[in-house]
Amino acid sequence: MTKRAEVEAALAKAEADWRKAGDDLDQAEAARAKAQADWDKYVADRRKADADRRKAATIWDKAFPDRRKTVADRRGADAARDKANADWDQARAERAKARAVWDKARAALDELERTARKP
């Protein structure tokens, strides 16, 4: 394989990786938007909820009076939102890395083309 063919293959691979990273970023963005919507729903539901979210007269209420309903627990929604944000940050970083590799391969191909044109 010639040097030009190697660089063109590297450029094609880098471009494919960049496109895949972009798709992963789009998926992470969708997951992040869903997690944010879930969080907003939780906040809205909490505002509508009664001040006392415990079920009265249950065995759990007698044994553990501070126990709360799981639907009123924001930890699940908060954890999902944090995970979605972390996934989005990672996908964004992967896309940036793929773009750097693509830029490097493109620069190498441009250099080969410039040297080939010189007499």
N, C-alpha and C. Protein backbone atom coordinates (compact mmCIF):
# COMPACT_ATOMS: atom_id res chain seq x y z
N MET A 1 0.83 -1.17 0.00
CA MET A 1 0.00 0.00 0.00
C MET A 1 0.88 1.24 0.00
N THR A 2 0.51 2.20 -0.81
CA THR A 2 1.30 3.43 -0.89
C THR A 2 0.96 4.33 0.31
N LYS A 3 1.83 5.32 0.49
CA LYS A 3 1.63 6.26 1.60
C LYS A 3 0.29 6.99 1.45
N ARG A 4 -0.03 7.38 0.23
CA ARG A 4 -1.29 8.09 -0.02
C ARG A 4 -2.49 7.20 0.30
N ALA A 5 -2.43 5.95 -0.10
CA ALA A 5 -3.54 5.03 0.18
C ALA A 5 -3.70 4.82 1.68
N GLU A 6 -2.58 4.73 2.38
CA GLU A 6 -2.64 4.56 3.84
C GLU A 6 -3.29 5.78 4.50
N VAL A 7 -2.90 6.95 4.05
CA VAL A 7 -3.46 8.18 4.63
C VAL A 7 -4.94 8.31 4.29
N GLU A 8 -5.31 7.97 3.05
CA GLU A 8 -6.73 8.03 2.67
C GLU A 8 -7.55 7.03 3.48
N ALA A 9 -7.00 5.84 3.72
CA ALA A 9 -7.70 4.86 4.55
C ALA A 9 -7.84 5.35 5.98
N ALA A 10 -6.79 5.96 6.50
CA ALA A 10 -6.86 6.52 7.85
C ALA A 10 -7.89 7.64 7.93
N LEU A 11 -7.93 8.45 6.88
CA LEU A 11 -8.91 9.54 6.84
C LEU A 11 -10.33 8.99 6.79
N ALA A 12 -10.56 7.97 5.98
CA ALA A 12 -11.89 7.37 5.89
C ALA A 12 -12.30 6.76 7.23
N LYS A 13 -11.37 6.07 7.89
CA LYS A 13 -11.67 5.48 9.20
C LYS A 13 -11.95 6.57 10.22
N ALA A 14 -11.16 7.63 10.20
CA ALA A 14 -11.36 8.73 11.15
C ALA A 14 -12.71 9.39 10.92
N GLU A 15 -13.08 9.55 9.67
CA GLU A 15 -14.38 10.16 9.38
C GLU A 15 -15.52 9.26 9.84
N ALA A 16 -15.39 7.96 9.64
CA ALA A 16 -16.41 7.02 10.11
C ALA A 16 -16.50 7.05 11.64
N ASP A 17 -15.35 7.09 12.30
CA ASP A 17 -15.35 7.17 13.77
C ASP A 17 -16.00 8.47 14.24
N TRP A 18 -15.72 9.56 13.55
CA TRP A 18 -16.30 10.84 13.92
C TRP A 18 -17.82 10.82 13.76
N ARG A 19 -18.28 10.24 12.67
CA ARG A 19 -19.73 10.15 12.45
C ARG A 19 -20.39 9.27 13.52
N LYS A 20 -19.75 8.16 13.86
CA LYS A 20 -20.28 7.28 14.91
C LYS A 20 -20.31 8.02 16.25
N ALA A 21 -19.26 8.76 16.53
CA ALA A 21 -19.22 9.54 17.78
C ALA A 21 -20.33 10.59 17.78
N GLY A 22 -20.59 11.17 16.63
CA GLY A 22 -21.69 12.13 16.53
C GLY A 22 -23.04 11.47 16.78
N ASP A 23 -23.23 10.25 16.25
CA ASP A 23 -24.46 9.51 16.51
C ASP A 23 -24.59 9.16 17.99
N ASP A 24 -23.48 8.75 18.60
CA ASP A 24 -23.50 8.45 20.04
C ASP A 24 -23.85 9.70 20.84
N LEU A 25 -23.33 10.83 20.41
CA LEU A 25 -23.64 12.10 21.09
C LEU A 25 -25.12 12.43 20.95
N ASP A 26 -25.69 12.17 19.77
CA ASP A 26 -27.12 12.42 19.58
C ASP A 26 -27.96 11.53 20.49
N GLN A 27 -27.55 10.26 20.64
CA GLN A 27 -28.27 9.34 21.53
C GLN A 27 -28.14 9.81 22.98
N ALA A 28 -26.96 10.23 23.35
CA ALA A 28 -26.75 10.72 24.72
C ALA A 28 -27.57 11.98 24.96
N GLU A 29 -27.67 12.82 23.96
CA GLU A 29 -28.47 14.04 24.08
C GLU A 29 -29.94 13.68 24.29
N ALA A 30 -30.43 12.66 23.56
CA ALA A 30 -31.82 12.23 23.74
C ALA A 30 -32.04 11.66 25.14
N ALA A 31 -31.10 10.86 25.62
CA ALA A 31 -31.21 10.30 26.97
C ALA A 31 -31.17 11.42 28.01
N ARG A 32 -30.34 12.39 27.78
CA ARG A 32 -30.23 13.53 28.70
C ARG A 32 -31.53 14.32 28.73
N ALA A 33 -32.14 14.52 27.57
CA ALA A 33 -33.41 15.24 27.50
C ALA A 33 -34.51 14.46 28.22
N LYS A 34 -34.51 13.13 28.06
CA LYS A 34 -35.50 12.30 28.75
C LYS A 34 -35.31 12.38 30.26
N ALA A 35 -34.06 12.31 30.71
CA ALA A 35 -33.79 12.39 32.14
C ALA A 35 -34.22 13.75 32.69
N GLN A 36 -33.99 14.79 31.92
CA GLN A 36 -34.41 16.13 32.36
C GLN A 36 -35.93 16.22 32.43
N ALA A 37 -36.61 15.61 31.45
CA ALA A 37 -38.07 15.60 31.47
C ALA A 37 -38.59 14.82 32.66
N ASP A 38 -37.94 13.69 32.98
CA ASP A 38 -38.33 12.91 34.16
C ASP A 38 -38.14 13.74 35.43
N TRP A 39 -37.04 14.46 35.48
CA TRP A 39 -36.77 15.31 36.65
C TRP A 39 -37.84 16.40 36.76
N ASP A 40 -38.17 17.03 35.65
CA ASP A 40 -39.20 18.07 35.67
C ASP A 40 -40.55 17.51 36.11
N LYS A 41 -40.85 16.28 35.66
CA LYS A 41 -42.10 15.62 36.07
C LYS A 41 -42.07 15.35 37.56
N TYR A 42 -40.95 14.90 38.06
CA TYR A 42 -40.83 14.66 39.50
C TYR A 42 -41.09 15.95 40.28
N VAL A 43 -40.47 17.03 39.84
CA VAL A 43 -40.63 18.32 40.54
C VAL A 43 -42.09 18.76 40.51
N ALA A 44 -42.73 18.61 39.35
CA ALA A 44 -44.14 19.00 39.25
C ALA A 44 -45.02 18.12 40.13
N ASP A 45 -44.74 16.80 40.14
CA ASP A 45 -45.53 15.89 40.98
C ASP A 45 -45.32 16.20 42.46
N ARG A 46 -44.11 16.54 42.81
CA ARG A 46 -43.82 16.84 44.21
C ARG A 46 -44.56 18.10 44.67
N ARG A 47 -44.64 19.07 43.80
CA ARG A 47 -45.35 20.31 44.15
C ARG A 47 -46.84 20.06 44.35
N LYS A 48 -47.39 19.06 43.63
CA LYS A 48 -48.81 18.74 43.74
C LYS A 48 -49.10 17.80 44.91
N ALA A 49 -48.06 17.13 45.43
CA ALA A 49 -48.25 16.12 46.47
C ALA A 49 -48.64 16.76 47.80
N ASP A 50 -49.22 15.94 48.62
CA ASP A 50 -49.55 16.38 49.97
C ASP A 50 -48.27 16.62 50.75
N ALA A 51 -48.38 17.42 51.79
CA ALA A 51 -47.21 17.69 52.61
C ALA A 51 -46.73 16.43 53.32
N ASP A 52 -47.66 15.59 53.77
CA ASP A 52 -47.29 14.35 54.43
C ASP A 52 -47.41 13.23 53.41
N ARG A 53 -46.28 12.71 52.95
CA ARG A 53 -46.29 11.70 51.91
C ARG A 53 -46.27 10.28 52.46
N ARG A 54 -46.39 10.13 53.76
CA ARG A 54 -46.39 8.80 54.36
C ARG A 54 -47.79 8.20 54.30
N LYS A 55 -47.83 6.90 54.15
CA LYS A 55 -49.10 6.21 54.22
C LYS A 55 -49.44 6.00 55.69
N ALA A 56 -50.58 6.46 56.08
CA ALA A 56 -50.98 6.33 57.47
C ALA A 56 -51.51 4.93 57.73
N ALA A 57 -51.31 4.48 58.94
CA ALA A 57 -51.87 3.24 59.44
C ALA A 57 -51.33 1.99 58.75
N THR A 58 -50.15 2.04 58.24
CA THR A 58 -49.54 0.83 57.69
C THR A 58 -48.52 0.32 58.68
N ILE A 59 -48.17 -0.94 58.52
CA ILE A 59 -47.18 -1.52 59.43
C ILE A 59 -45.84 -0.79 59.30
N TRP A 60 -45.52 -0.41 58.09
CA TRP A 60 -44.26 0.30 57.88
C TRP A 60 -44.28 1.68 58.54
N ASP A 61 -45.44 2.30 58.51
CA ASP A 61 -45.55 3.61 59.14
C ASP A 61 -45.35 3.51 60.65
N LYS A 62 -45.82 2.40 61.21
CA LYS A 62 -45.65 2.22 62.65
C LYS A 62 -44.20 1.87 62.99
N ALA A 63 -43.59 1.04 62.15
CA ALA A 63 -42.21 0.61 62.42
C ALA A 63 -41.19 1.68 62.07
N PHE A 64 -41.42 2.34 60.95
CA PHE A 64 -40.48 3.36 60.46
C PHE A 64 -41.26 4.62 60.11
N PRO A 65 -41.52 5.46 61.08
CA PRO A 65 -42.38 6.62 60.82
C PRO A 65 -41.82 7.62 59.81
N ASP A 66 -40.52 7.58 59.57
CA ASP A 66 -39.94 8.54 58.62
C ASP A 66 -39.83 7.97 57.21
N ARG A 67 -40.34 6.77 57.01
CA ARG A 67 -40.25 6.14 55.68
C ARG A 67 -41.13 6.91 54.70
N ARG A 68 -40.61 7.11 53.52
CA ARG A 68 -41.34 7.86 52.50
C ARG A 68 -41.70 6.94 51.33
N LYS A 69 -42.69 7.36 50.58
CA LYS A 69 -43.06 6.62 49.38
C LYS A 69 -41.94 6.72 48.35
N THR A 70 -41.76 5.67 47.57
CA THR A 70 -40.70 5.70 46.57
C THR A 70 -41.02 6.67 45.44
N VAL A 71 -42.29 6.91 45.17
CA VAL A 71 -42.63 7.86 44.09
C VAL A 71 -42.26 9.27 44.47
N ALA A 72 -42.15 9.54 45.75
CA ALA A 72 -41.79 10.88 46.19
C ALA A 72 -40.29 11.04 46.37
N ASP A 73 -39.56 10.00 46.14
CA ASP A 73 -38.11 10.03 46.35
C ASP A 73 -37.43 10.56 45.10
N ARG A 74 -36.74 11.65 45.24
CA ARG A 74 -36.11 12.27 44.07
C ARG A 74 -34.78 11.64 43.71
N ARG A 75 -34.28 10.76 44.58
CA ARG A 75 -32.95 10.20 44.32
C ARG A 75 -32.88 9.43 43.01
N GLY A 76 -33.94 8.71 42.67
CA GLY A 76 -33.94 7.96 41.41
C GLY A 76 -33.86 8.87 40.21
N ALA A 77 -34.67 9.90 40.20
CA ALA A 77 -34.66 10.84 39.08
C ALA A 77 -33.35 11.61 39.04
N ASP A 78 -32.84 11.95 40.19
CA ASP A 78 -31.58 12.69 40.27
C ASP A 78 -30.42 11.84 39.76
N ALA A 79 -30.39 10.57 40.14
CA ALA A 79 -29.33 9.66 39.69
C ALA A 79 -29.40 9.45 38.19
N ALA A 80 -30.60 9.29 37.66
CA ALA A 80 -30.75 9.11 36.21
C ALA A 80 -30.28 10.35 35.46
N ARG A 81 -30.61 11.51 36.00
CA ARG A 81 -30.18 12.75 35.35
C ARG A 81 -28.66 12.90 35.40
N ASP A 82 -28.06 12.56 36.53
CA ASP A 82 -26.60 12.63 36.64
C ASP A 82 -25.92 11.66 35.69
N LYS A 83 -26.46 10.45 35.57
CA LYS A 83 -25.87 9.46 34.65
C LYS A 83 -25.99 9.93 33.21
N ALA A 84 -27.14 10.47 32.85
CA ALA A 84 -27.33 10.97 31.48
C ALA A 84 -26.36 12.11 31.19
N ASN A 85 -26.16 13.00 32.15
CA ASN A 85 -25.20 14.09 31.95
C ASN A 85 -23.78 13.56 31.79
N ALA A 86 -23.41 12.55 32.58
CA ALA A 86 -22.08 11.96 32.48
C ALA A 86 -21.89 11.27 31.13
N ASP A 87 -22.92 10.54 30.68
CA ASP A 87 -22.85 9.88 29.37
C ASP A 87 -22.72 10.90 28.26
N TRP A 88 -23.43 12.01 28.38
CA TRP A 88 -23.36 13.06 27.36
C TRP A 88 -21.97 13.68 27.33
N ASP A 89 -21.42 13.94 28.50
CA ASP A 89 -20.06 14.50 28.57
C ASP A 89 -19.05 13.55 27.94
N GLN A 90 -19.19 12.26 28.21
CA GLN A 90 -18.27 11.27 27.65
C GLN A 90 -18.42 11.20 26.13
N ALA A 91 -19.65 11.20 25.64
CA ALA A 91 -19.87 11.15 24.19
C ALA A 91 -19.31 12.39 23.51
N ARG A 92 -19.45 13.52 24.16
CA ARG A 92 -18.90 14.77 23.60
C ARG A 92 -17.38 14.71 23.53
N ALA A 93 -16.75 14.16 24.57
CA ALA A 93 -15.30 14.02 24.57
C ALA A 93 -14.84 13.04 23.49
N GLU A 94 -15.57 11.94 23.33
CA GLU A 94 -15.21 10.97 22.28
C GLU A 94 -15.32 11.59 20.89
N ARG A 95 -16.34 12.41 20.69
CA ARG A 95 -16.48 13.07 19.39
C ARG A 95 -15.33 14.03 19.16
N ALA A 96 -14.90 14.73 20.18
CA ALA A 96 -13.78 15.66 20.05
C ALA A 96 -12.49 14.91 19.72
N LYS A 97 -12.30 13.75 20.36
CA LYS A 97 -11.11 12.93 20.05
C LYS A 97 -11.14 12.45 18.60
N ALA A 98 -12.32 11.99 18.16
CA ALA A 98 -12.45 11.51 16.78
C ALA A 98 -12.19 12.64 15.79
N ARG A 99 -12.64 13.83 16.13
CA ARG A 99 -12.42 14.97 15.24
C ARG A 99 -10.94 15.32 15.17
N ALA A 100 -10.23 15.20 16.28
CA ALA A 100 -8.79 15.47 16.29
C ALA A 100 -8.05 14.48 15.40
N VAL A 101 -8.42 13.21 15.47
CA VAL A 101 -7.80 12.20 14.61
C VAL A 101 -8.10 12.49 13.16
N TRP A 102 -9.36 12.86 12.87
CA TRP A 102 -9.72 13.19 11.49
C TRP A 102 -8.93 14.38 10.99
N ASP A 103 -8.80 15.42 11.81
CA ASP A 103 -8.02 16.60 11.42
C ASP A 103 -6.57 16.24 11.12
N LYS A 104 -5.99 15.37 11.92
CA LYS A 104 -4.61 14.94 11.72
C LYS A 104 -4.46 14.17 10.41
N ALA A 105 -5.39 13.26 10.14
CA ALA A 105 -5.34 12.50 8.89
C ALA A 105 -5.56 13.42 7.68
N ARG A 106 -6.47 14.37 7.81
CA ARG A 106 -6.71 15.32 6.71
C ARG A 106 -5.48 16.17 6.45
N ALA A 107 -4.80 16.59 7.49
CA ALA A 107 -3.58 17.38 7.33
C ALA A 107 -2.49 16.56 6.65
N ALA A 108 -2.37 15.28 7.01
CA ALA A 108 -1.38 14.41 6.37
C ALA A 108 -1.69 14.24 4.89
N LEU A 109 -2.96 14.06 4.55
CA LEU A 109 -3.34 13.92 3.15
C LEU A 109 -3.08 15.21 2.39
N ASP A 110 -3.39 16.34 2.98
CA ASP A 110 -3.12 17.64 2.34
C ASP A 110 -1.62 17.83 2.09
N GLU A 111 -0.80 17.40 3.05
CA GLU A 111 0.65 17.51 2.89
C GLU A 111 1.14 16.62 1.76
N LEU A 112 0.59 15.42 1.66
CA LEU A 112 0.96 14.53 0.55
C LEU A 112 0.57 15.14 -0.80
N GLU A 113 -0.60 15.75 -0.86
CA GLU A 113 -1.04 16.38 -2.10
C GLU A 113 -0.15 17.56 -2.47
N ARG A 114 0.29 18.34 -1.47
CA ARG A 114 1.17 19.46 -1.75
C ARG A 114 2.52 18.98 -2.25
N THR A 115 3.06 17.94 -1.65
CA THR A 115 4.37 17.42 -2.10
C THR A 115 4.26 16.77 -3.47
N ALA A 116 3.11 16.19 -3.80
CA ALA A 116 2.94 15.57 -5.11
C ALA A 116 2.85 16.62 -6.21
N ARG A 117 2.38 17.81 -5.94
CA ARG A 117 2.24 18.87 -6.93
C ARG A 117 3.55 19.58 -7.22
N LYS A 118 4.50 19.50 -6.28
CA LYS A 118 5.77 20.19 -6.50
C LYS A 118 6.53 19.52 -7.64
N PRO A 119 7.15 20.34 -8.48
CA PRO A 119 7.88 19.76 -9.63
C PRO A 119 9.17 19.08 -9.25
